[in-house]
Amino acid sequence: MEKITDLKGRGITILLTTHYMEEASYLCDRLLVLDAGKILVEGSPDDLVKQHVGPLVTEVKVSQEEKGCIMATLADLGVGLDDRGDSIVVYQKDGLGALNDLELSENQLTSRPANLEDVFLRLTGRGLREE
């Protein structure tokens, strides 16, 4: 990674392929997100995160029994979300205000900065290791 950073610093164009979204975010000025050989989006890492996810995501930890009802309620409100198995990810771009209407405790909610992995998962609907 140091060599690529050095070449980038000298203004040399590099074509890089990676499955590591953190690496892509750090090294790339412009990137393409591909899925099954098709270009889904193109742009700078920051612009893609802002466009497709927003600045923050909130992970909601709920029991499996509660999850379906909460996801249905949020979907009915038009809130962008993803089921990540053990949690529901809610995108700020689509309005985290809807979470205030649900009776959730603070220890069920974790907000964090959005990243390129969120963009990939939102656009493809699947993890990087799924077939």
N, C-alpha and C. Protein backbone atom coordinates (compact mmCIF):
# COMPACT_ATOMS: atom_id res chain seq x y z
N MET A 1 0.82 -1.18 0.00
CA MET A 1 0.00 0.00 0.00
C MET A 1 0.87 1.26 0.00
N GLU A 2 2.03 1.19 0.63
CA GLU A 2 2.92 2.34 0.65
C GLU A 2 3.37 2.72 -0.77
N LYS A 3 3.67 1.71 -1.58
CA LYS A 3 4.11 1.97 -2.96
C LYS A 3 3.01 2.66 -3.75
N ILE A 4 1.77 2.19 -3.59
CA ILE A 4 0.65 2.80 -4.30
C ILE A 4 0.45 4.24 -3.82
N THR A 5 0.54 4.46 -2.52
CA THR A 5 0.40 5.81 -1.97
C THR A 5 1.48 6.73 -2.52
N ASP A 6 2.69 6.22 -2.63
CA ASP A 6 3.80 7.00 -3.18
C ASP A 6 3.54 7.36 -4.64
N LEU A 7 3.12 6.37 -5.45
CA LEU A 7 2.84 6.63 -6.86
C LEU A 7 1.69 7.62 -7.02
N LYS A 8 0.67 7.48 -6.22
CA LYS A 8 -0.47 8.41 -6.24
C LYS A 8 0.00 9.82 -5.91
N GLY A 9 0.86 9.94 -4.91
CA GLY A 9 1.39 11.23 -4.51
C GLY A 9 2.20 11.91 -5.61
N ARG A 10 2.76 11.11 -6.49
CA ARG A 10 3.53 11.66 -7.61
C ARG A 10 2.66 11.92 -8.84
N GLY A 11 1.34 11.71 -8.71
CA GLY A 11 0.42 12.01 -9.80
C GLY A 11 0.31 10.93 -10.85
N ILE A 12 0.76 9.74 -10.54
CA ILE A 12 0.71 8.63 -11.49
C ILE A 12 -0.65 7.95 -11.39
N THR A 13 -1.28 7.70 -12.53
CA THR A 13 -2.58 7.03 -12.56
C THR A 13 -2.38 5.55 -12.32
N ILE A 14 -3.22 4.99 -11.45
CA ILE A 14 -3.13 3.59 -11.10
C ILE A 14 -4.51 2.97 -11.26
N LEU A 15 -4.57 1.82 -11.89
CA LEU A 15 -5.81 1.05 -11.97
C LEU A 15 -5.70 -0.04 -10.91
N LEU A 16 -6.59 0.02 -9.94
CA LEU A 16 -6.53 -0.88 -8.80
C LEU A 16 -7.84 -1.64 -8.70
N THR A 17 -7.76 -2.94 -8.51
CA THR A 17 -8.97 -3.72 -8.22
C THR A 17 -8.82 -4.26 -6.80
N THR A 18 -9.89 -4.16 -6.03
CA THR A 18 -9.84 -4.62 -4.65
C THR A 18 -11.24 -4.94 -4.15
N HIS A 19 -11.31 -5.84 -3.19
CA HIS A 19 -12.56 -6.11 -2.49
C HIS A 19 -12.56 -5.41 -1.13
N TYR A 20 -11.48 -4.75 -0.81
CA TYR A 20 -11.36 -4.08 0.49
C TYR A 20 -11.82 -2.63 0.35
N MET A 21 -13.02 -2.37 0.86
CA MET A 21 -13.61 -1.06 0.70
C MET A 21 -12.84 0.03 1.44
N GLU A 22 -12.27 -0.30 2.59
CA GLU A 22 -11.47 0.68 3.32
C GLU A 22 -10.25 1.08 2.51
N GLU A 23 -9.62 0.11 1.88
CA GLU A 23 -8.47 0.37 1.02
C GLU A 23 -8.87 1.24 -0.16
N ALA A 24 -9.98 0.93 -0.79
CA ALA A 24 -10.47 1.71 -1.93
C ALA A 24 -10.77 3.14 -1.51
N SER A 25 -11.37 3.31 -0.35
CA SER A 25 -11.71 4.64 0.15
C SER A 25 -10.46 5.48 0.35
N TYR A 26 -9.41 4.87 0.85
CA TYR A 26 -8.17 5.57 1.15
C TYR A 26 -7.35 5.86 -0.11
N LEU A 27 -7.29 4.91 -1.04
CA LEU A 27 -6.39 5.02 -2.18
C LEU A 27 -7.00 5.64 -3.43
N CYS A 28 -8.32 5.57 -3.58
CA CYS A 28 -8.94 5.95 -4.85
C CYS A 28 -9.50 7.37 -4.83
N ASP A 29 -9.25 8.08 -5.91
CA ASP A 29 -9.87 9.39 -6.13
C ASP A 29 -11.22 9.19 -6.80
N ARG A 30 -11.31 8.16 -7.61
CA ARG A 30 -12.53 7.83 -8.35
C ARG A 30 -12.62 6.31 -8.41
N LEU A 31 -13.83 5.80 -8.27
CA LEU A 31 -13.95 4.35 -8.33
C LEU A 31 -15.26 3.94 -8.98
N LEU A 32 -15.27 2.67 -9.38
CA LEU A 32 -16.47 2.05 -9.92
C LEU A 32 -16.86 0.93 -8.98
N VAL A 33 -18.15 0.79 -8.72
CA VAL A 33 -18.64 -0.36 -7.99
C VAL A 33 -19.24 -1.30 -9.01
N LEU A 34 -18.69 -2.51 -9.07
CA LEU A 34 -19.13 -3.53 -10.02
C LEU A 34 -19.85 -4.65 -9.30
N ASP A 35 -20.83 -5.22 -9.97
CA ASP A 35 -21.51 -6.40 -9.45
C ASP A 35 -21.86 -7.28 -10.64
N ALA A 36 -21.39 -8.51 -10.61
CA ALA A 36 -21.63 -9.46 -11.70
C ALA A 36 -21.19 -8.88 -13.04
N GLY A 37 -20.06 -8.17 -13.03
CA GLY A 37 -19.50 -7.63 -14.26
C GLY A 37 -20.17 -6.37 -14.78
N LYS A 38 -21.13 -5.83 -14.05
CA LYS A 38 -21.83 -4.62 -14.48
C LYS A 38 -21.47 -3.46 -13.56
N ILE A 39 -21.27 -2.28 -14.16
CA ILE A 39 -20.98 -1.08 -13.40
C ILE A 39 -22.29 -0.60 -12.76
N LEU A 40 -22.28 -0.49 -11.44
CA LEU A 40 -23.45 0.00 -10.72
C LEU A 40 -23.39 1.51 -10.52
N VAL A 41 -22.24 2.02 -10.09
CA VAL A 41 -22.06 3.45 -9.86
C VAL A 41 -20.61 3.81 -10.09
N GLU A 42 -20.40 5.11 -10.26
CA GLU A 42 -19.05 5.64 -10.48
C GLU A 42 -18.96 6.98 -9.79
N GLY A 43 -17.83 7.26 -9.16
CA GLY A 43 -17.62 8.56 -8.52
C GLY A 43 -16.54 8.49 -7.47
N SER A 44 -16.37 9.59 -6.77
CA SER A 44 -15.39 9.61 -5.68
C SER A 44 -15.97 8.85 -4.49
N PRO A 45 -15.12 8.29 -3.65
CA PRO A 45 -15.63 7.56 -2.49
C PRO A 45 -16.59 8.41 -1.64
N ASP A 46 -16.21 9.65 -1.35
CA ASP A 46 -17.06 10.50 -0.52
C ASP A 46 -18.40 10.78 -1.19
N ASP A 47 -18.39 11.06 -2.48
CA ASP A 47 -19.64 11.34 -3.19
C ASP A 47 -20.56 10.12 -3.22
N LEU A 48 -20.00 8.94 -3.41
CA LEU A 48 -20.82 7.73 -3.44
C LEU A 48 -21.47 7.47 -2.08
N VAL A 49 -20.72 7.69 -1.02
CA VAL A 49 -21.29 7.50 0.32
C VAL A 49 -22.40 8.52 0.55
N LYS A 50 -22.16 9.78 0.21
CA LYS A 50 -23.19 10.82 0.41
C LYS A 50 -24.44 10.53 -0.42
N GLN A 51 -24.25 10.13 -1.67
CA GLN A 51 -25.37 9.88 -2.58
C GLN A 51 -26.23 8.70 -2.18
N HIS A 52 -25.61 7.62 -1.79
CA HIS A 52 -26.34 6.36 -1.62
C HIS A 52 -26.63 5.97 -0.18
N VAL A 53 -25.94 6.58 0.76
CA VAL A 53 -26.13 6.18 2.15
C VAL A 53 -26.40 7.38 3.06
N GLY A 54 -25.65 8.45 2.88
CA GLY A 54 -25.72 9.59 3.79
C GLY A 54 -24.53 9.55 4.73
N PRO A 55 -24.39 10.56 5.57
CA PRO A 55 -23.19 10.63 6.41
C PRO A 55 -23.14 9.61 7.54
N LEU A 56 -24.29 9.17 8.02
CA LEU A 56 -24.32 8.24 9.15
C LEU A 56 -25.25 7.07 8.86
N VAL A 57 -24.95 5.96 9.49
CA VAL A 57 -25.87 4.83 9.52
C VAL A 57 -26.09 4.48 10.99
N THR A 58 -27.26 3.94 11.26
CA THR A 58 -27.54 3.48 12.62
C THR A 58 -27.86 2.00 12.55
N GLU A 59 -27.14 1.25 13.35
CA GLU A 59 -27.40 -0.17 13.46
C GLU A 59 -28.36 -0.39 14.62
N VAL A 60 -29.42 -1.12 14.34
CA VAL A 60 -30.46 -1.39 15.32
C VAL A 60 -30.39 -2.87 15.70
N LYS A 61 -30.10 -3.13 16.95
CA LYS A 61 -30.04 -4.51 17.46
C LYS A 61 -31.39 -4.84 18.09
N VAL A 62 -32.06 -5.82 17.50
CA VAL A 62 -33.35 -6.27 18.02
C VAL A 62 -33.40 -7.79 17.95
N SER A 63 -34.33 -8.34 18.67
CA SER A 63 -34.50 -9.79 18.64
C SER A 63 -35.09 -10.19 17.29
N GLN A 64 -34.93 -11.44 16.95
CA GLN A 64 -35.49 -11.95 15.69
C GLN A 64 -37.00 -11.78 15.66
N GLU A 65 -37.63 -11.89 16.82
CA GLU A 65 -39.08 -11.73 16.89
C GLU A 65 -39.51 -10.31 16.56
N GLU A 66 -38.73 -9.32 17.00
CA GLU A 66 -39.06 -7.91 16.76
C GLU A 66 -38.66 -7.43 15.37
N LYS A 67 -37.65 -8.09 14.80
CA LYS A 67 -37.04 -7.58 13.58
C LYS A 67 -38.03 -7.40 12.43
N GLY A 68 -38.84 -8.38 12.16
CA GLY A 68 -39.78 -8.30 11.04
C GLY A 68 -40.73 -7.13 11.17
N CYS A 69 -41.27 -6.92 12.35
CA CYS A 69 -42.22 -5.84 12.59
C CYS A 69 -41.54 -4.48 12.42
N ILE A 70 -40.34 -4.34 12.99
CA ILE A 70 -39.62 -3.06 12.90
C ILE A 70 -39.23 -2.78 11.45
N MET A 71 -38.75 -3.80 10.74
CA MET A 71 -38.38 -3.59 9.33
C MET A 71 -39.61 -3.20 8.50
N ALA A 72 -40.73 -3.83 8.74
CA ALA A 72 -41.95 -3.51 8.00
C ALA A 72 -42.39 -2.08 8.29
N THR A 73 -42.32 -1.68 9.54
CA THR A 73 -42.72 -0.31 9.93
C THR A 73 -41.82 0.71 9.24
N LEU A 74 -40.50 0.50 9.29
CA LEU A 74 -39.56 1.44 8.66
C LEU A 74 -39.74 1.46 7.15
N ALA A 75 -39.94 0.29 6.55
CA ALA A 75 -40.15 0.22 5.09
C ALA A 75 -41.42 0.97 4.70
N ASP A 76 -42.48 0.84 5.50
CA ASP A 76 -43.73 1.56 5.23
C ASP A 76 -43.53 3.07 5.28
N LEU A 77 -42.57 3.51 6.10
CA LEU A 77 -42.26 4.94 6.21
C LEU A 77 -41.30 5.41 5.11
N GLY A 78 -40.87 4.48 4.26
CA GLY A 78 -39.97 4.83 3.16
C GLY A 78 -38.52 4.99 3.58
N VAL A 79 -38.17 4.43 4.72
CA VAL A 79 -36.80 4.54 5.23
C VAL A 79 -35.94 3.46 4.59
N GLY A 80 -34.76 3.86 4.10
CA GLY A 80 -33.81 2.91 3.53
C GLY A 80 -33.19 2.09 4.63
N LEU A 81 -33.21 0.78 4.46
CA LEU A 81 -32.64 -0.10 5.47
C LEU A 81 -32.16 -1.38 4.83
N ASP A 82 -31.31 -2.07 5.56
CA ASP A 82 -30.83 -3.38 5.14
C ASP A 82 -30.87 -4.32 6.33
N ASP A 83 -31.19 -5.56 6.06
CA ASP A 83 -31.15 -6.60 7.07
C ASP A 83 -29.76 -7.20 7.03
N ARG A 84 -29.00 -7.04 8.11
CA ARG A 84 -27.64 -7.57 8.16
C ARG A 84 -27.56 -8.79 9.07
N GLY A 85 -28.64 -9.51 9.18
CA GLY A 85 -28.63 -10.72 9.98
C GLY A 85 -28.90 -10.45 11.44
N ASP A 86 -27.87 -10.00 12.16
CA ASP A 86 -28.03 -9.75 13.59
C ASP A 86 -28.46 -8.33 13.90
N SER A 87 -28.62 -7.51 12.85
CA SER A 87 -29.03 -6.12 13.06
C SER A 87 -29.74 -5.59 11.81
N ILE A 88 -30.37 -4.45 11.99
CA ILE A 88 -30.97 -3.70 10.88
C ILE A 88 -30.13 -2.45 10.73
N VAL A 89 -29.74 -2.13 9.52
CA VAL A 89 -28.98 -0.91 9.28
C VAL A 89 -29.92 0.11 8.65
N VAL A 90 -30.01 1.29 9.28
CA VAL A 90 -30.87 2.37 8.82
C VAL A 90 -29.98 3.49 8.31
N TYR A 91 -30.31 4.00 7.10
CA TYR A 91 -29.49 5.02 6.46
C TYR A 91 -30.01 6.40 6.77
N GLN A 92 -29.12 7.29 7.21
CA GLN A 92 -29.52 8.64 7.59
C GLN A 92 -30.11 9.39 6.41
N LYS A 93 -29.59 9.14 5.22
CA LYS A 93 -30.08 9.82 4.03
C LYS A 93 -31.61 9.73 3.92
N ASP A 94 -32.16 8.62 4.34
CA ASP A 94 -33.59 8.39 4.22
C ASP A 94 -34.38 8.76 5.47
N GLY A 95 -33.72 9.26 6.49
CA GLY A 95 -34.44 9.77 7.65
C GLY A 95 -34.38 8.89 8.88
N LEU A 96 -33.42 9.20 9.73
CA LEU A 96 -33.34 8.47 10.98
C LEU A 96 -34.42 8.92 11.95
N GLY A 97 -35.12 10.00 11.65
CA GLY A 97 -36.19 10.47 12.51
C GLY A 97 -37.24 9.41 12.76
N ALA A 98 -37.42 8.52 11.82
CA ALA A 98 -38.40 7.46 11.97
C ALA A 98 -38.06 6.56 13.16
N LEU A 99 -36.78 6.45 13.48
CA LEU A 99 -36.39 5.61 14.62
C LEU A 99 -36.92 6.18 15.93
N ASN A 100 -37.12 7.50 15.98
CA ASN A 100 -37.64 8.13 17.20
C ASN A 100 -39.06 7.67 17.50
N ASP A 101 -39.79 7.29 16.45
CA ASP A 101 -41.18 6.86 16.63
C ASP A 101 -41.28 5.43 17.17
N LEU A 102 -40.19 4.69 17.08
CA LEU A 102 -40.19 3.32 17.58
C LEU A 102 -39.75 3.32 19.04
N GLU A 103 -40.26 2.40 19.78
CA GLU A 103 -39.90 2.32 21.19
C GLU A 103 -38.66 1.44 21.36
N LEU A 104 -37.50 2.06 21.10
CA LEU A 104 -36.23 1.35 21.21
C LEU A 104 -35.39 2.01 22.28
N SER A 105 -34.62 1.23 23.00
CA SER A 105 -33.73 1.81 24.00
C SER A 105 -32.43 2.23 23.33
N GLU A 106 -31.71 3.12 23.99
CA GLU A 106 -30.45 3.62 23.43
C GLU A 106 -29.42 2.52 23.24
N ASN A 107 -29.46 1.50 24.09
CA ASN A 107 -28.46 0.43 23.94
C ASN A 107 -28.76 -0.47 22.74
N GLN A 108 -29.89 -0.28 22.08
CA GLN A 108 -30.20 -1.02 20.86
C GLN A 108 -29.71 -0.28 19.61
N LEU A 109 -29.29 0.98 19.76
CA LEU A 109 -28.93 1.82 18.62
C LEU A 109 -27.45 2.18 18.67
N THR A 110 -26.78 2.00 17.54
CA THR A 110 -25.38 2.40 17.41
C THR A 110 -25.23 3.17 16.11
N SER A 111 -24.92 4.46 16.21
CA SER A 111 -24.68 5.27 15.00
C SER A 111 -23.19 5.34 14.74
N ARG A 112 -22.85 5.33 13.46
CA ARG A 112 -21.44 5.40 13.05
C ARG A 112 -21.36 6.08 11.69
N PRO A 113 -20.19 6.57 11.32
CA PRO A 113 -20.05 7.15 9.98
C PRO A 113 -20.28 6.09 8.90
N ALA A 114 -20.94 6.48 7.85
CA ALA A 114 -21.16 5.58 6.72
C ALA A 114 -19.85 5.36 5.99
N ASN A 115 -19.76 4.25 5.25
CA ASN A 115 -18.54 3.95 4.51
C ASN A 115 -18.87 3.25 3.19
N LEU A 116 -17.84 2.96 2.42
CA LEU A 116 -18.04 2.33 1.11
C LEU A 116 -18.64 0.93 1.21
N GLU A 117 -18.36 0.23 2.28
CA GLU A 117 -18.96 -1.10 2.43
C GLU A 117 -20.49 -0.97 2.52
N ASP A 118 -20.96 0.07 3.21
CA ASP A 118 -22.41 0.31 3.26
C ASP A 118 -22.96 0.57 1.86
N VAL A 119 -22.22 1.33 1.06
CA VAL A 119 -22.65 1.60 -0.32
C VAL A 119 -22.75 0.29 -1.10
N PHE A 120 -21.69 -0.52 -1.03
CA PHE A 120 -21.69 -1.79 -1.75
C PHE A 120 -22.86 -2.67 -1.33
N LEU A 121 -23.03 -2.82 -0.03
CA LEU A 121 -24.11 -3.68 0.47
C LEU A 121 -25.48 -3.14 0.09
N ARG A 122 -25.63 -1.83 0.12
CA ARG A 122 -26.92 -1.26 -0.24
C ARG A 122 -27.22 -1.45 -1.73
N LEU A 123 -26.21 -1.27 -2.57
CA LEU A 123 -26.43 -1.38 -4.03
C LEU A 123 -26.58 -2.81 -4.51
N THR A 124 -25.86 -3.73 -3.88
CA THR A 124 -25.90 -5.11 -4.35
C THR A 124 -26.83 -5.98 -3.52
N GLY A 125 -27.09 -5.56 -2.29
CA GLY A 125 -27.94 -6.36 -1.42
C GLY A 125 -27.28 -7.62 -0.91
N ARG A 126 -25.96 -7.69 -1.02
CA ARG A 126 -25.27 -8.88 -0.56
C ARG A 126 -23.87 -8.55 -0.08
N GLY A 127 -23.32 -9.44 0.72
CA GLY A 127 -21.97 -9.27 1.24
C GLY A 127 -20.92 -9.55 0.19
N LEU A 128 -19.71 -9.17 0.48
CA LEU A 128 -18.61 -9.33 -0.47
C LEU A 128 -18.26 -10.80 -0.72
N ARG A 129 -18.52 -11.68 0.24
CA ARG A 129 -18.14 -13.08 0.09
C ARG A 129 -19.25 -13.97 -0.41
N GLU A 130 -20.44 -13.44 -0.60
CA GLU A 130 -21.54 -14.25 -1.13
C GLU A 130 -21.31 -14.54 -2.59
N GLU A 131 -21.84 -15.64 -3.05
CA GLU A 131 -21.73 -15.99 -4.47
C GLU A 131 -22.94 -15.50 -5.22
